[in-house]
Protein backbone atom coordinates (compact mmCIF):
# COMPACT_ATOMS: atom_id res chain seq x y z
CA MET A 1 46.76 96.82 119.13
CA VAL A 2 50.17 95.38 117.85
CA LYS A 3 52.74 96.61 119.86
CA LEU A 4 55.92 94.93 118.12
CA LEU A 5 56.04 93.40 114.75
CA ILE A 6 59.31 91.22 113.94
CA GLU A 7 59.76 90.87 110.00
CA VAL A 8 62.72 88.37 109.04
CA ALA A 9 64.13 89.26 105.55
CA ASP A 10 66.50 87.59 103.19
CA SER A 11 65.96 87.99 99.77
CA SER A 12 62.31 89.73 100.73
CA TYR A 13 64.14 92.73 102.15
CA PRO A 14 63.55 95.58 99.50
CA ALA A 15 59.77 94.33 99.53
CA ASP A 16 59.53 94.62 103.30
CA ARG A 17 61.29 97.99 103.39
CA LYS A 18 59.33 99.63 100.46
CA ILE A 19 55.96 97.59 100.69
CA LYS A 20 55.50 96.29 103.97
CA LEU A 21 56.79 98.93 106.30
CA PRO A 22 54.65 101.80 105.12
CA LYS A 23 51.52 99.74 105.45
CA TYR A 24 52.62 98.66 108.83
CA ALA A 25 53.02 102.33 109.90
CA GLU A 26 49.49 103.17 108.53
CA ALA A 27 48.11 100.56 110.52
CA GLY A 28 49.60 102.05 113.53
CA ILE A 29 51.84 99.26 114.59
CA ALA A 30 54.11 101.01 117.45
CA GLU A 31 57.48 99.02 116.53
CA VAL A 32 58.77 97.12 113.86
CA TRP A 33 62.10 95.27 113.61
CA ILE A 34 63.51 93.94 110.28
CA ILE A 35 65.84 91.32 110.73
CA ASN A 36 68.20 91.91 107.73
CA LEU A 37 69.81 88.50 107.18
CA GLN A 38 71.95 89.62 104.39
CA GLU A 39 73.48 92.58 106.61
CA LEU A 40 73.25 90.53 109.82
CA ALA A 41 71.70 93.43 111.46
CA VAL A 42 68.29 94.34 113.07
CA GLU A 43 66.60 97.60 112.05
CA ASP A 44 64.32 98.80 114.64
CA PHE A 45 61.35 101.29 113.39
CA THR A 46 59.37 103.41 116.13
CA GLN A 47 57.17 106.35 115.96
CA SER A 48 54.85 105.46 113.29
CA GLY A 49 53.28 108.08 111.36
CA ASP A 50 51.20 108.65 108.16
CA LYS A 51 52.73 105.54 106.12
CA GLN A 52 56.31 105.86 107.46
CA TYR A 53 58.19 105.73 110.73
CA LEU A 54 59.87 108.89 111.93
CA SER A 55 62.69 106.90 114.04
CA GLN A 56 65.03 104.17 112.65
CA GLN A 57 68.07 102.82 114.21
CA THR A 58 70.23 99.96 112.68
CA CYS A 59 71.67 97.30 115.49
CA LEU A 60 74.60 95.30 114.51
CA SER A 61 75.32 91.72 115.92
CA ASP A 62 77.48 93.00 118.60
CA GLN A 63 74.63 95.51 119.93
CA SER A 64 71.57 95.51 121.67
CA VAL A 65 67.94 96.31 120.23
CA PRO A 66 66.38 98.72 122.61
CA ALA A 67 62.70 97.94 122.33
CA SER A 68 60.43 100.67 123.57
CA PHE A 69 58.59 98.57 125.92
CA GLN A 70 61.31 98.13 128.74
CA PHE A 71 63.68 95.50 127.31
CA ALA A 72 66.80 95.17 125.03
CA ILE A 73 67.60 91.71 123.19
CA ALA A 74 70.94 91.10 121.86
CA VAL A 75 71.14 90.67 118.28
CA GLN A 76 73.36 88.01 118.37
CA ASP A 77 70.63 86.45 120.18
CA ILE A 78 68.26 87.05 117.08
CA LEU A 79 70.79 86.43 114.05
CA PRO A 80 71.50 82.88 112.86
CA ASN A 81 74.94 81.27 113.55
CA LYS A 82 77.45 82.01 110.61
């Protein structure tokens, strides 16, 4: 079972959200992070249901992503320096 899938998205962002994300939920992947390079944010999706995630939060560069498995990662440590 995949506990966390991390997708890095720049120009692929629309496809990652509209095409890939529902497939990940349908496959039962527990948590997905989309690292949105255009917005410099990490989108955290949890609680997979039938082709959708029931919970989503967007974490900006001055925040941490609270992974559902007992740790958090600072967004600035994930994003590239600009």
